[in-house]
């Protein structure tokens, strides 16, 4: 069985990707990951041996919320290029579509963006996300639905072409 530290190291890329989607700034995201991993290592005895990824993500979400309350992290929209690596490459081959998708995700509310990233990008189940964020499963489903609907509106709203007949 892998050592606890080795298992954490293996999860770092996904945790960093999630942190960047929260902070939308790579420097703040790196600080969030570091602070969260320090807390995780200090609290290692409280880990029950269940889902390590979920446990670490919960610590990160709580650390992010604490940082927001303390004013350490500013919930502002930063240039998209700073966190664009977090967005799945669904618009492969068309940079204009990629930029549009990244911009649309950046315009989602923080609650919607967090749920979207945890479910769609990180692959957590609705139940896992509900446990991670300490919210009901119905709220997860509602936020995800609203996020998807908002993305659809933002991405397809400008794609209407009127045909005029003379």
C-alpha atoms as a PDB file:
ATOM      1  CA  UNK A   1       0.000   0.000   0.000  1.00  0.00           C
ATOM      2  CA  UNK A   2       1.226   3.460  -0.838  1.00  0.00           C
ATOM      3  CA  UNK A   3       2.446   5.762   1.876  1.00  0.00           C
ATOM      4  CA  UNK A   4       0.007   8.508   2.953  1.00  0.00           C
ATOM      5  CA  UNK A   5       2.297  11.218   1.555  1.00  0.00           C
ATOM      6  CA  UNK A   6       2.662   9.422  -1.782  1.00  0.00           C
ATOM      7  CA  UNK A   7      -1.105   9.198  -2.098  1.00  0.00           C
ATOM      8  CA  UNK A   8      -1.433  12.931  -1.452  1.00  0.00           C
ATOM      9  CA  UNK A   9       1.242  13.707  -4.047  1.00  0.00           C
ATOM     10  CA  UNK A  10      -0.636  11.602  -6.607  1.00  0.00           C
ATOM     11  CA  UNK A  11      -3.795  13.673  -5.971  1.00  0.00           C
ATOM     12  CA  UNK A  12      -2.090  17.082  -6.178  1.00  0.00           C
ATOM     13  CA  UNK A  13      -2.705  17.777  -9.905  1.00  0.00           C
ATOM     14  CA  UNK A  14      -6.469  17.406  -9.487  1.00  0.00           C
ATOM     15  CA  UNK A  15      -6.463  19.368  -6.248  1.00  0.00           C
ATOM     16  CA  UNK A  16      -4.476  22.154  -7.851  1.00  0.00           C
ATOM     17  CA  UNK A  17      -6.844  22.225 -10.834  1.00  0.00           C
ATOM     18  CA  UNK A  18      -9.794  22.531  -8.448  1.00  0.00           C
ATOM     19  CA  UNK A  19      -8.027  25.236  -6.416  1.00  0.00           C
ATOM     20  CA  UNK A  20      -7.424  27.237  -9.591  1.00  0.00           C
ATOM     21  CA  UNK A  21     -11.114  27.022 -10.446  1.00  0.00           C
ATOM     22  CA  UNK A  22     -11.961  28.327  -6.968  1.00  0.00           C
ATOM     23  CA  UNK A  23      -9.421  31.143  -6.864  1.00  0.00           C
ATOM     24  CA  UNK A  24      -9.131  31.870 -10.594  1.00  0.00           C
ATOM     25  CA  UNK A  25      -5.571  32.911  -9.908  1.00  0.00           C
ATOM     26  CA  UNK A  26      -2.638  30.504  -9.994  1.00  0.00           C
ATOM     27  CA  UNK A  27      -0.694  32.192  -7.173  1.00  0.00           C
ATOM     28  CA  UNK A  28      -3.659  32.185  -4.789  1.00  0.00           C
ATOM     29  CA  UNK A  29      -4.473  28.628  -5.862  1.00  0.00           C
ATOM     30  CA  UNK A  30      -0.954  27.457  -5.034  1.00  0.00           C
ATOM     31  CA  UNK A  31      -1.246  29.114  -1.618  1.00  0.00           C
ATOM     32  CA  UNK A  32      -4.609  27.439  -1.068  1.00  0.00           C
ATOM     33  CA  UNK A  33      -3.218  24.017  -1.989  1.00  0.00           C
ATOM     34  CA  UNK A  34      -0.203  24.507   0.276  1.00  0.00           C
ATOM     35  CA  UNK A  35      -2.301  25.689   3.235  1.00  0.00           C
ATOM     36  CA  UNK A  36      -4.766  22.850   2.713  1.00  0.00           C
ATOM     37  CA  UNK A  37      -2.075  20.186   2.491  1.00  0.00           C
ATOM     38  CA  UNK A  38      -0.404  21.523   5.630  1.00  0.00           C
ATOM     39  CA  UNK A  39      -3.752  21.232   7.437  1.00  0.00           C
ATOM     40  CA  UNK A  40      -4.251  17.729   6.040  1.00  0.00           C
ATOM     41  CA  UNK A  41      -0.838  16.561   7.185  1.00  0.00           C
ATOM     42  CA  UNK A  42      -1.379  18.087  10.613  1.00  0.00           C
ATOM     43  CA  UNK A  43      -4.778  16.382  10.875  1.00  0.00           C
ATOM     44  CA  UNK A  44      -3.665  13.058   9.439  1.00  0.00           C
ATOM     45  CA  UNK A  45      -4.836  11.224  12.551  1.00  0.00           C
ATOM     46  CA  UNK A  46      -8.432  12.337  11.882  1.00  0.00           C
ATOM     47  CA  UNK A  47      -8.519  10.675   8.451  1.00  0.00           C
ATOM     48  CA  UNK A  48     -10.531   7.482   8.751  1.00  0.00           C
ATOM     49  CA  UNK A  49      -9.076   5.761   5.706  1.00  0.00           C
ATOM     50  CA  UNK A  50     -12.089   6.358   3.473  1.00  0.00           C
ATOM     51  CA  UNK A  51     -11.883   8.490   0.343  1.00  0.00           C
ATOM     52  CA  UNK A  52      -8.651  10.504   0.582  1.00  0.00           C
ATOM     53  CA  UNK A  53      -9.495  12.685  -2.423  1.00  0.00           C
ATOM     54  CA  UNK A  54     -12.846  13.663  -0.900  1.00  0.00           C
ATOM     55  CA  UNK A  55     -11.241  14.334   2.493  1.00  0.00           C
ATOM     56  CA  UNK A  56      -8.560  16.583   0.962  1.00  0.00           C
ATOM     57  CA  UNK A  57     -11.104  18.396  -1.198  1.00  0.00           C
ATOM     58  CA  UNK A  58     -13.256  19.063   1.868  1.00  0.00           C
ATOM     59  CA  UNK A  59     -10.256  20.509   3.683  1.00  0.00           C
ATOM     60  CA  UNK A  60      -9.535  22.708   0.644  1.00  0.00           C
ATOM     61  CA  UNK A  61     -13.128  23.970   0.380  1.00  0.00           C
ATOM     62  CA  UNK A  62     -13.164  24.783   4.099  1.00  0.00           C
ATOM     63  CA  UNK A  63      -9.774  26.515   3.835  1.00  0.00           C
ATOM     64  CA  UNK A  64     -11.038  28.566   0.884  1.00  0.00           C
ATOM     65  CA  UNK A  65     -14.162  29.597   2.807  1.00  0.00           C
ATOM     66  CA  UNK A  66     -12.037  30.543   5.824  1.00  0.00           C
ATOM     67  CA  UNK A  67      -9.705  32.576   3.606  1.00  0.00           C
ATOM     68  CA  UNK A  68     -12.700  34.424   2.125  1.00  0.00           C
ATOM     69  CA  UNK A  69     -14.027  35.240   5.589  1.00  0.00           C
ATOM     70  CA  UNK A  70     -10.628  36.507   6.697  1.00  0.00           C
ATOM     71  CA  UNK A  71     -10.223  38.570   3.544  1.00  0.00           C
ATOM     72  CA  UNK A  72      -7.140  36.623   2.406  1.00  0.00           C
ATOM     73  CA  UNK A  73      -8.719  35.643  -0.889  1.00  0.00           C
ATOM     74  CA  UNK A  74     -10.540  38.164  -3.004  1.00  0.00           C
ATOM     75  CA  UNK A  75     -13.541  36.692  -4.840  1.00  0.00           C
ATOM     76  CA  UNK A  76     -12.863  38.641  -8.012  1.00  0.00           C
ATOM     77  CA  UNK A  77     -12.796  37.652 -11.635  1.00  0.00           C
ATOM     78  CA  UNK A  78      -9.244  37.647 -12.900  1.00  0.00           C
ATOM     79  CA  UNK A  79      -8.080  37.283 -16.477  1.00  0.00           C
ATOM     80  CA  UNK A  80      -9.283  33.997 -17.894  1.00  0.00           C
ATOM     81  CA  UNK A  81      -5.825  33.019 -19.127  1.00  0.00           C
ATOM     82  CA  UNK A  82      -4.738  32.597 -15.507  1.00  0.00           C
ATOM     83  CA  UNK A  83      -7.015  29.630 -14.856  1.00  0.00           C
ATOM     84  CA  UNK A  84      -7.896  28.398 -18.330  1.00  0.00           C
ATOM     85  CA  UNK A  85      -6.100  25.084 -17.868  1.00  0.00           C
ATOM     86  CA  UNK A  86      -8.968  24.010 -15.577  1.00  0.00           C
ATOM     87  CA  UNK A  87     -11.607  23.972 -18.267  1.00  0.00           C
ATOM     88  CA  UNK A  88     -12.117  20.698 -20.102  1.00  0.00           C
ATOM     89  CA  UNK A  89     -11.056  20.879 -23.712  1.00  0.00           C
ATOM     90  CA  UNK A  90     -14.522  20.167 -25.104  1.00  0.00           C
ATOM     91  CA  UNK A  91     -14.101  22.718 -27.865  1.00  0.00           C
ATOM     92  CA  UNK A  92     -10.941  21.016 -29.123  1.00  0.00           C
ATOM     93  CA  UNK A  93      -9.544  22.610 -32.236  1.00  0.00           C
ATOM     94  CA  UNK A  94     -11.476  25.883 -32.101  1.00  0.00           C
ATOM     95  CA  UNK A  95      -9.722  28.471 -29.923  1.00  0.00           C
ATOM     96  CA  UNK A  96     -12.644  30.899 -30.203  1.00  0.00           C
ATOM     97  CA  UNK A  97     -15.027  28.302 -28.740  1.00  0.00           C
ATOM     98  CA  UNK A  98     -12.494  27.482 -26.020  1.00  0.00           C
ATOM     99  CA  UNK A  99     -12.229  31.127 -25.005  1.00  0.00           C
ATOM    100  CA  UNK A 100     -16.013  31.458 -25.034  1.00  0.00           C
ATOM    101  CA  UNK A 101     -16.409  28.422 -22.786  1.00  0.00           C
ATOM    102  CA  UNK A 102     -13.752  29.653 -20.375  1.00  0.00           C
ATOM    103  CA  UNK A 103     -15.310  33.107 -20.241  1.00  0.00           C
ATOM    104  CA  UNK A 104     -18.773  31.631 -19.644  1.00  0.00           C
ATOM    105  CA  UNK A 105     -17.530  29.431 -16.795  1.00  0.00           C
ATOM    106  CA  UNK A 106     -15.827  32.485 -15.317  1.00  0.00           C
ATOM    107  CA  UNK A 107     -19.165  34.328 -15.289  1.00  0.00           C
ATOM    108  CA  UNK A 108     -20.958  31.621 -13.295  1.00  0.00           C
ATOM    109  CA  UNK A 109     -21.609  32.272  -9.630  1.00  0.00           C
ATOM    110  CA  UNK A 110     -19.009  30.775  -7.308  1.00  0.00           C
ATOM    111  CA  UNK A 111     -21.514  28.191  -6.015  1.00  0.00           C
ATOM    112  CA  UNK A 112     -22.412  27.068  -9.522  1.00  0.00           C
ATOM    113  CA  UNK A 113     -18.789  26.995 -10.693  1.00  0.00           C
ATOM    114  CA  UNK A 114     -17.649  24.919  -7.701  1.00  0.00           C
ATOM    115  CA  UNK A 115     -20.379  22.308  -8.198  1.00  0.00           C
ATOM    116  CA  UNK A 116     -19.789  22.217 -11.964  1.00  0.00           C
ATOM    117  CA  UNK A 117     -16.050  21.694 -11.543  1.00  0.00           C
ATOM    118  CA  UNK A 118     -16.454  19.011  -8.866  1.00  0.00           C
ATOM    119  CA  UNK A 119     -19.020  17.008 -10.831  1.00  0.00           C
ATOM    120  CA  UNK A 120     -17.968  17.523 -14.445  1.00  0.00           C
ATOM    121  CA  UNK A 121     -14.200  17.961 -14.250  1.00  0.00           C
ATOM    122  CA  UNK A 122     -13.216  16.141 -11.056  1.00  0.00           C
ATOM    123  CA  UNK A 123     -15.795  13.363 -11.437  1.00  0.00           C
ATOM    124  CA  UNK A 124     -17.325  13.442  -7.958  1.00  0.00           C
ATOM    125  CA  UNK A 125     -20.849  12.035  -7.554  1.00  0.00           C
ATOM    126  CA  UNK A 126     -23.697  14.280  -6.446  1.00  0.00           C
ATOM    127  CA  UNK A 127     -23.611  12.614  -3.023  1.00  0.00           C
ATOM    128  CA  UNK A 128     -19.873  13.199  -2.664  1.00  0.00           C
ATOM    129  CA  UNK A 129     -20.225  16.866  -3.635  1.00  0.00           C
ATOM    130  CA  UNK A 130     -23.076  17.276  -1.159  1.00  0.00           C
ATOM    131  CA  UNK A 131     -20.899  15.827   1.595  1.00  0.00           C
ATOM    132  CA  UNK A 132     -17.875  17.909   0.573  1.00  0.00           C
ATOM    133  CA  UNK A 133     -19.823  21.173   0.578  1.00  0.00           C
ATOM    134  CA  UNK A 134     -22.143  20.273   3.488  1.00  0.00           C
ATOM    135  CA  UNK A 135     -25.259  20.896   1.406  1.00  0.00           C
ATOM    136  CA  UNK A 136     -28.204  18.672   0.439  1.00  0.00           C
ATOM    137  CA  UNK A 137     -27.956  16.553  -2.723  1.00  0.00           C
ATOM    138  CA  UNK A 138     -30.933  18.456  -4.145  1.00  0.00           C
ATOM    139  CA  UNK A 139     -28.975  21.698  -3.838  1.00  0.00           C
ATOM    140  CA  UNK A 140     -26.071  20.141  -5.727  1.00  0.00           C
ATOM    141  CA  UNK A 141     -28.422  19.050  -8.487  1.00  0.00           C
ATOM    142  CA  UNK A 142     -30.087  22.462  -8.601  1.00  0.00           C
ATOM    143  CA  UNK A 143     -26.785  24.370  -8.772  1.00  0.00           C
ATOM    144  CA  UNK A 144     -25.461  22.060 -11.456  1.00  0.00           C
ATOM    145  CA  UNK A 145     -28.652  22.427 -13.476  1.00  0.00           C
ATOM    146  CA  UNK A 146     -28.514  26.216 -13.180  1.00  0.00           C
ATOM    147  CA  UNK A 147     -24.832  26.220 -14.132  1.00  0.00           C
ATOM    148  CA  UNK A 148     -25.496  24.132 -17.229  1.00  0.00           C
ATOM    149  CA  UNK A 149     -28.497  26.251 -18.198  1.00  0.00           C
ATOM    150  CA  UNK A 150     -26.468  29.455 -17.720  1.00  0.00           C
ATOM    151  CA  UNK A 151     -23.622  28.071 -19.829  1.00  0.00           C
ATOM    152  CA  UNK A 152     -26.069  27.070 -22.542  1.00  0.00           C
ATOM    153  CA  UNK A 153     -27.608  30.540 -22.541  1.00  0.00           C
ATOM    154  CA  UNK A 154     -24.232  32.287 -22.574  1.00  0.00           C
ATOM    155  CA  UNK A 155     -22.749  30.068 -25.258  1.00  0.00           C
ATOM    156  CA  UNK A 156     -25.749  29.733 -27.538  1.00  0.00           C
ATOM    157  CA  UNK A 157     -27.494  33.038 -26.929  1.00  0.00           C
ATOM    158  CA  UNK A 158     -25.313  34.870 -29.429  1.00  0.00           C
ATOM    159  CA  UNK A 159     -25.534  32.153 -32.057  1.00  0.00           C
ATOM    160  CA  UNK A 160     -28.973  33.092 -33.324  1.00  0.00           C
ATOM    161  CA  UNK A 161     -29.038  34.182 -36.938  1.00  0.00           C
ATOM    162  CA  UNK A 162     -32.134  35.798 -38.295  1.00  0.00           C
ATOM    163  CA  UNK A 163     -33.106  34.969 -41.816  1.00  0.00           C
ATOM    164  CA  UNK A 164     -34.915  37.754 -43.578  1.00  0.00           C
ATOM    165  CA  UNK A 165     -37.082  37.069 -46.536  1.00  0.00           C
ATOM    166  CA  UNK A 166     -37.591  39.830 -49.017  1.00  0.00           C
END
